[in-house]
């Protein structure tokens, strides 16, 4: 079992940066980890993912060039650094993880992830 806890959300202005953190506890290795988000009235969507090794990452089109996912396995932490934030980035952001056999894989489909955090609100004002 893995527990995930997100932190770092809040209210920022358009153009600002914000960093989210995801702390994993329990059976923490090996895991690929991803961030998803869900805005009011919209479906959950993929943001970014990172392999256990940290050497393989994937981003949605809206995240490319603005968001960076990284991890520190010694601290059981995964981060999402977001910059040039827009009001459209307003959503609840979720950390998700999946136990994997390979240290280089990551997944975009939310249904493949076994564990989810409670989510954290990010609000970007115009």
N, C-alpha and C. Protein backbone atom coordinates (compact mmCIF):
# COMPACT_ATOMS: atom_id res chain seq x y z
N UNK A 1 0.84 -1.19 0.00
CA UNK A 1 0.00 0.00 0.00
C UNK A 1 0.88 1.25 0.00
N UNK A 2 0.43 2.24 -0.72
CA UNK A 2 1.16 3.50 -0.82
C UNK A 2 0.21 4.63 -0.49
N UNK A 3 0.66 5.55 0.32
CA UNK A 3 -0.11 6.75 0.60
C UNK A 3 0.62 7.95 -0.01
N UNK A 4 -0.16 8.83 -0.62
CA UNK A 4 0.38 10.01 -1.27
C UNK A 4 -0.24 11.25 -0.66
N UNK A 5 0.59 12.23 -0.37
CA UNK A 5 0.10 13.49 0.19
C UNK A 5 0.70 14.64 -0.60
N UNK A 6 -0.20 15.45 -1.17
CA UNK A 6 0.24 16.61 -1.93
C UNK A 6 0.36 17.83 -1.02
N UNK A 7 1.24 18.74 -1.41
CA UNK A 7 1.37 20.00 -0.70
C UNK A 7 1.86 21.06 -1.67
N UNK A 8 1.72 22.32 -1.27
CA UNK A 8 2.27 23.41 -2.06
C UNK A 8 1.27 24.20 -2.89
N UNK A 9 0.02 23.80 -2.88
CA UNK A 9 -0.96 24.53 -3.66
C UNK A 9 -1.28 25.88 -3.05
N UNK A 10 -2.16 26.60 -3.73
CA UNK A 10 -2.56 27.89 -3.21
C UNK A 10 -3.08 28.81 -4.29
N UNK A 11 -3.16 30.07 -3.94
CA UNK A 11 -3.66 31.11 -4.84
C UNK A 11 -2.50 31.94 -5.34
N UNK A 12 -2.36 32.04 -6.65
CA UNK A 12 -1.31 32.84 -7.25
C UNK A 12 -1.92 33.68 -8.38
N UNK A 13 -1.13 34.60 -8.87
CA UNK A 13 -1.58 35.44 -9.98
C UNK A 13 -1.05 34.88 -11.30
N UNK A 14 -1.72 35.25 -12.35
CA UNK A 14 -1.27 34.82 -13.67
C UNK A 14 0.17 35.27 -13.90
N UNK A 15 0.96 34.35 -14.45
CA UNK A 15 2.36 34.62 -14.69
C UNK A 15 3.28 34.17 -13.58
N UNK A 16 2.72 33.87 -12.42
CA UNK A 16 3.50 33.41 -11.28
C UNK A 16 3.94 31.97 -11.44
N UNK A 17 4.81 31.56 -10.54
CA UNK A 17 5.25 30.17 -10.47
C UNK A 17 4.78 29.55 -9.16
N UNK A 18 4.67 28.23 -9.19
CA UNK A 18 4.24 27.49 -8.00
C UNK A 18 4.81 26.09 -8.08
N UNK A 19 5.22 25.57 -6.94
CA UNK A 19 5.77 24.21 -6.92
C UNK A 19 4.92 23.32 -6.03
N UNK A 20 4.51 22.20 -6.59
CA UNK A 20 3.75 21.20 -5.84
C UNK A 20 4.68 20.06 -5.44
N UNK A 21 4.38 19.47 -4.30
CA UNK A 21 5.15 18.33 -3.83
C UNK A 21 4.22 17.17 -3.54
N UNK A 22 4.74 15.97 -3.72
CA UNK A 22 3.98 14.75 -3.43
C UNK A 22 4.89 13.84 -2.61
N UNK A 23 4.46 13.57 -1.39
CA UNK A 23 5.22 12.71 -0.49
C UNK A 23 4.57 11.33 -0.46
N UNK A 24 5.38 10.32 -0.74
CA UNK A 24 4.90 8.94 -0.72
C UNK A 24 5.35 8.25 0.55
N UNK A 25 4.47 7.43 1.09
CA UNK A 25 4.82 6.62 2.25
C UNK A 25 4.27 5.22 2.06
N UNK A 26 4.82 4.28 2.80
CA UNK A 26 4.41 2.91 2.63
C UNK A 26 5.38 2.19 1.72
N UNK A 27 4.85 1.39 0.82
CA UNK A 27 5.69 0.65 -0.13
C UNK A 27 6.04 1.59 -1.29
N UNK A 28 7.15 2.28 -1.18
CA UNK A 28 7.44 3.40 -2.06
C UNK A 28 8.34 3.08 -3.24
N UNK A 29 8.76 1.83 -3.40
CA UNK A 29 9.68 1.55 -4.49
C UNK A 29 9.37 0.22 -5.13
N UNK A 30 9.53 0.08 -6.47
CA UNK A 30 9.66 1.23 -7.36
C UNK A 30 8.29 1.72 -7.81
N UNK A 31 8.18 3.00 -8.01
CA UNK A 31 6.94 3.62 -8.43
C UNK A 31 7.18 4.56 -9.60
N UNK A 32 6.28 4.53 -10.59
CA UNK A 32 6.25 5.68 -11.48
C UNK A 32 5.16 6.59 -10.93
N UNK A 33 5.33 7.89 -11.12
CA UNK A 33 4.46 8.86 -10.49
C UNK A 33 4.02 9.90 -11.50
N UNK A 34 2.81 10.36 -11.33
CA UNK A 34 2.26 11.34 -12.26
C UNK A 34 1.47 12.40 -11.52
N UNK A 35 1.25 13.49 -12.20
CA UNK A 35 0.33 14.53 -11.75
C UNK A 35 -0.82 14.61 -12.75
N UNK A 36 -2.01 14.69 -12.18
CA UNK A 36 -3.22 14.93 -12.96
C UNK A 36 -3.90 16.15 -12.38
N UNK A 37 -4.85 16.68 -13.09
CA UNK A 37 -5.61 17.79 -12.56
C UNK A 37 -7.06 17.70 -13.03
N UNK A 38 -7.91 18.32 -12.26
CA UNK A 38 -9.33 18.38 -12.62
C UNK A 38 -9.88 19.74 -12.28
N UNK A 39 -10.34 20.42 -13.30
CA UNK A 39 -10.95 21.73 -13.13
C UNK A 39 -12.45 21.55 -12.94
N UNK A 40 -13.11 22.51 -12.32
CA UNK A 40 -14.56 22.41 -12.11
C UNK A 40 -15.30 22.17 -13.42
N UNK A 41 -16.15 21.16 -13.43
CA UNK A 41 -16.95 20.87 -14.60
C UNK A 41 -16.22 20.18 -15.73
N UNK A 42 -14.97 19.84 -15.51
CA UNK A 42 -14.18 19.19 -16.55
C UNK A 42 -13.70 17.82 -16.08
N UNK A 43 -13.30 17.00 -17.04
CA UNK A 43 -12.75 15.70 -16.71
C UNK A 43 -11.32 15.84 -16.21
N UNK A 44 -10.91 14.83 -15.47
CA UNK A 44 -9.52 14.78 -15.02
C UNK A 44 -8.60 14.66 -16.24
N UNK A 45 -7.48 15.36 -16.20
CA UNK A 45 -6.55 15.29 -17.32
C UNK A 45 -5.12 15.10 -16.84
N UNK A 46 -4.37 14.47 -17.67
CA UNK A 46 -2.96 14.19 -17.41
C UNK A 46 -2.15 15.48 -17.50
N UNK A 47 -1.21 15.63 -16.56
CA UNK A 47 -0.33 16.79 -16.58
C UNK A 47 1.10 16.36 -16.94
N UNK A 48 1.66 15.48 -16.13
CA UNK A 48 3.04 15.04 -16.33
C UNK A 48 3.28 13.74 -15.57
N UNK A 49 4.30 13.00 -15.99
CA UNK A 49 4.66 11.76 -15.32
C UNK A 49 6.16 11.57 -15.35
N UNK A 50 6.64 10.76 -14.42
CA UNK A 50 8.08 10.53 -14.33
C UNK A 50 8.32 9.08 -13.91
N UNK A 51 9.32 8.49 -14.51
CA UNK A 51 9.67 7.12 -14.18
C UNK A 51 10.36 7.05 -12.82
N UNK A 52 10.51 5.84 -12.31
CA UNK A 52 11.18 5.67 -11.02
C UNK A 52 12.63 6.17 -11.10
N UNK A 53 13.28 5.92 -12.19
CA UNK A 53 14.67 6.37 -12.34
C UNK A 53 14.79 7.88 -12.44
N UNK A 54 13.69 8.52 -12.82
CA UNK A 54 13.73 9.97 -13.02
C UNK A 54 14.24 10.37 -14.39
N UNK A 55 14.71 9.41 -15.14
CA UNK A 55 15.30 9.73 -16.43
C UNK A 55 14.32 9.80 -17.58
N UNK A 56 13.10 9.39 -17.34
CA UNK A 56 12.06 9.43 -18.38
C UNK A 56 10.86 10.21 -17.86
N UNK A 57 10.46 11.19 -18.63
CA UNK A 57 9.33 12.02 -18.25
C UNK A 57 8.41 12.23 -19.44
N UNK A 58 7.18 12.57 -19.14
CA UNK A 58 6.21 12.87 -20.17
C UNK A 58 5.34 14.03 -19.73
N UNK A 59 4.90 14.82 -20.69
CA UNK A 59 4.09 16.00 -20.38
C UNK A 59 2.93 16.10 -21.36
N UNK A 60 1.86 16.67 -20.87
CA UNK A 60 0.78 17.03 -21.76
C UNK A 60 1.21 18.24 -22.56
N UNK A 61 0.51 18.51 -23.64
CA UNK A 61 0.89 19.63 -24.48
C UNK A 61 0.84 20.96 -23.72
N UNK A 62 -0.16 21.11 -22.85
CA UNK A 62 -0.28 22.39 -22.15
C UNK A 62 0.82 22.57 -21.11
N UNK A 63 1.44 21.47 -20.69
CA UNK A 63 2.47 21.54 -19.65
C UNK A 63 3.88 21.70 -20.23
N UNK A 64 4.05 21.31 -21.46
CA UNK A 64 5.38 21.37 -22.05
C UNK A 64 5.91 22.80 -22.08
N UNK A 65 7.12 22.95 -21.59
CA UNK A 65 7.75 24.26 -21.59
C UNK A 65 7.41 25.12 -20.39
N UNK A 66 6.37 24.75 -19.65
CA UNK A 66 5.98 25.55 -18.48
C UNK A 66 6.11 24.76 -17.19
N UNK A 67 5.87 23.47 -17.24
CA UNK A 67 5.90 22.63 -16.04
C UNK A 67 7.09 21.68 -16.11
N UNK A 68 7.65 21.37 -14.94
CA UNK A 68 8.74 20.41 -14.85
C UNK A 68 8.47 19.44 -13.72
N UNK A 69 8.50 18.15 -14.04
CA UNK A 69 8.33 17.12 -13.02
C UNK A 69 9.69 16.56 -12.66
N UNK A 70 9.90 16.31 -11.39
CA UNK A 70 11.16 15.75 -10.93
C UNK A 70 10.91 14.90 -9.69
N UNK A 71 11.92 14.18 -9.26
CA UNK A 71 11.74 13.34 -8.08
C UNK A 71 13.03 13.22 -7.30
N UNK A 72 12.87 12.95 -6.01
CA UNK A 72 13.98 12.67 -5.13
C UNK A 72 13.62 11.40 -4.37
N UNK A 73 14.11 10.28 -4.83
CA UNK A 73 13.71 9.01 -4.23
C UNK A 73 14.21 8.84 -2.80
N UNK A 74 15.31 9.50 -2.49
CA UNK A 74 15.82 9.42 -1.11
C UNK A 74 14.84 10.04 -0.13
N UNK A 75 14.06 11.00 -0.62
CA UNK A 75 13.08 11.68 0.23
C UNK A 75 11.65 11.21 -0.05
N UNK A 76 11.50 10.27 -0.97
CA UNK A 76 10.17 9.79 -1.37
C UNK A 76 9.28 10.94 -1.86
N UNK A 77 9.89 11.84 -2.60
CA UNK A 77 9.18 13.04 -3.04
C UNK A 77 9.17 13.14 -4.56
N UNK A 78 8.06 13.62 -5.08
CA UNK A 78 7.94 13.99 -6.49
C UNK A 78 7.45 15.43 -6.52
N UNK A 79 8.00 16.21 -7.42
CA UNK A 79 7.70 17.63 -7.49
C UNK A 79 7.12 17.99 -8.85
N UNK A 80 6.31 19.03 -8.85
CA UNK A 80 5.83 19.61 -10.10
C UNK A 80 6.06 21.11 -10.00
N UNK A 81 7.05 21.56 -10.72
CA UNK A 81 7.35 22.99 -10.78
C UNK A 81 6.57 23.60 -11.93
N UNK A 82 5.73 24.57 -11.61
CA UNK A 82 4.88 25.20 -12.62
C UNK A 82 5.24 26.67 -12.75
N UNK A 83 5.39 27.12 -13.97
CA UNK A 83 5.72 28.51 -14.21
C UNK A 83 4.78 29.09 -15.24
N UNK A 84 4.81 30.41 -15.38
CA UNK A 84 3.93 31.11 -16.34
C UNK A 84 2.49 30.63 -16.21
N UNK A 85 2.03 30.57 -14.99
CA UNK A 85 0.70 30.02 -14.74
C UNK A 85 -0.39 30.90 -15.34
N UNK A 86 -1.44 30.24 -15.79
CA UNK A 86 -2.57 30.91 -16.42
C UNK A 86 -3.84 30.60 -15.63
N UNK A 87 -4.85 31.42 -15.76
CA UNK A 87 -6.12 31.10 -15.09
C UNK A 87 -6.65 29.72 -15.48
N UNK A 88 -6.38 29.28 -16.70
CA UNK A 88 -6.81 27.95 -17.14
C UNK A 88 -6.12 26.82 -16.39
N UNK A 89 -5.06 27.13 -15.67
CA UNK A 89 -4.38 26.11 -14.87
C UNK A 89 -5.08 25.88 -13.53
N UNK A 90 -6.08 26.67 -13.23
CA UNK A 90 -6.83 26.51 -12.00
C UNK A 90 -7.50 25.14 -11.98
N UNK A 91 -7.22 24.37 -10.94
CA UNK A 91 -7.74 23.01 -10.84
C UNK A 91 -7.30 22.40 -9.52
N UNK A 92 -7.87 21.27 -9.22
CA UNK A 92 -7.34 20.43 -8.14
C UNK A 92 -6.30 19.51 -8.77
N UNK A 93 -5.12 19.52 -8.22
CA UNK A 93 -4.02 18.73 -8.75
C UNK A 93 -3.84 17.48 -7.89
N UNK A 94 -3.74 16.35 -8.56
CA UNK A 94 -3.61 15.07 -7.88
C UNK A 94 -2.28 14.39 -8.22
N UNK A 95 -1.67 13.83 -7.22
CA UNK A 95 -0.51 12.99 -7.41
C UNK A 95 -0.99 11.54 -7.50
N UNK A 96 -0.42 10.79 -8.42
CA UNK A 96 -0.80 9.39 -8.60
C UNK A 96 0.45 8.54 -8.77
N UNK A 97 0.40 7.31 -8.33
CA UNK A 97 1.56 6.43 -8.41
C UNK A 97 1.15 5.02 -8.77
N UNK A 98 2.09 4.33 -9.38
CA UNK A 98 1.85 2.95 -9.78
C UNK A 98 3.11 2.13 -9.50
N UNK A 99 2.93 1.02 -8.86
CA UNK A 99 4.03 0.09 -8.65
C UNK A 99 4.43 -0.50 -10.01
N UNK A 100 5.72 -0.48 -10.30
CA UNK A 100 6.20 -0.93 -11.60
C UNK A 100 7.38 -1.88 -11.44
N UNK A 101 7.59 -2.65 -12.51
CA UNK A 101 8.74 -3.55 -12.53
C UNK A 101 9.94 -2.90 -13.20
N UNK A 102 9.65 -1.95 -14.09
CA UNK A 102 10.71 -1.26 -14.81
C UNK A 102 10.94 0.11 -14.22
N UNK A 103 12.17 0.52 -14.15
CA UNK A 103 12.48 1.84 -13.59
C UNK A 103 12.40 2.95 -14.62
N UNK A 104 12.09 2.60 -15.86
CA UNK A 104 12.11 3.61 -16.92
C UNK A 104 10.74 3.94 -17.51
N UNK A 105 9.69 3.29 -17.03
CA UNK A 105 8.37 3.51 -17.62
C UNK A 105 7.60 4.59 -16.90
N UNK A 106 6.67 5.19 -17.63
CA UNK A 106 5.69 6.09 -17.06
C UNK A 106 4.43 5.93 -17.90
N UNK A 107 3.31 6.36 -17.36
CA UNK A 107 2.03 6.17 -18.03
C UNK A 107 1.23 7.46 -18.05
N UNK A 108 0.46 7.61 -19.09
CA UNK A 108 -0.38 8.80 -19.23
C UNK A 108 -1.81 8.54 -18.79
N UNK A 109 -2.25 7.29 -18.89
CA UNK A 109 -3.63 6.96 -18.56
C UNK A 109 -3.85 6.90 -17.06
N UNK A 110 -4.78 7.67 -16.59
CA UNK A 110 -5.05 7.70 -15.16
C UNK A 110 -5.53 6.37 -14.62
N UNK A 111 -6.24 5.61 -15.44
CA UNK A 111 -6.76 4.33 -14.99
C UNK A 111 -5.70 3.31 -14.66
N UNK A 112 -4.47 3.56 -15.08
CA UNK A 112 -3.39 2.62 -14.81
C UNK A 112 -2.75 2.84 -13.45
N UNK A 113 -3.05 3.96 -12.83
CA UNK A 113 -2.42 4.26 -11.55
C UNK A 113 -3.20 3.64 -10.40
N UNK A 114 -2.43 3.08 -9.47
CA UNK A 114 -3.03 2.35 -8.36
C UNK A 114 -3.33 3.22 -7.15
N UNK A 115 -2.56 4.27 -6.99
CA UNK A 115 -2.65 5.07 -5.78
C UNK A 115 -2.81 6.55 -6.12
N UNK A 116 -3.64 7.21 -5.33
CA UNK A 116 -3.94 8.62 -5.58
C UNK A 116 -3.90 9.40 -4.28
N UNK A 117 -3.43 10.64 -4.38
CA UNK A 117 -3.52 11.53 -3.25
C UNK A 117 -4.89 12.16 -3.16
N UNK A 118 -5.07 12.96 -2.13
CA UNK A 118 -6.36 13.61 -1.90
C UNK A 118 -6.58 14.79 -2.84
N UNK A 119 -5.51 15.31 -3.37
CA UNK A 119 -5.62 16.46 -4.26
C UNK A 119 -5.34 17.76 -3.53
N UNK A 120 -4.90 18.74 -4.28
CA UNK A 120 -4.62 20.05 -3.70
C UNK A 120 -5.04 21.12 -4.69
N UNK A 121 -5.63 22.18 -4.16
CA UNK A 121 -6.18 23.24 -5.00
C UNK A 121 -5.08 24.19 -5.46
N UNK A 122 -5.10 24.48 -6.74
CA UNK A 122 -4.28 25.54 -7.32
C UNK A 122 -5.23 26.51 -8.00
N UNK A 123 -5.16 27.77 -7.60
CA UNK A 123 -6.02 28.79 -8.18
C UNK A 123 -5.14 29.89 -8.75
N UNK A 124 -5.36 30.21 -10.01
CA UNK A 124 -4.59 31.24 -10.68
C UNK A 124 -5.53 32.37 -11.03
N UNK A 125 -5.31 33.52 -10.46
CA UNK A 125 -6.18 34.67 -10.73
C UNK A 125 -5.65 35.47 -11.90
N UNK A 126 -6.57 36.10 -12.60
CA UNK A 126 -6.16 36.88 -13.79
C UNK A 126 -5.80 38.30 -13.41
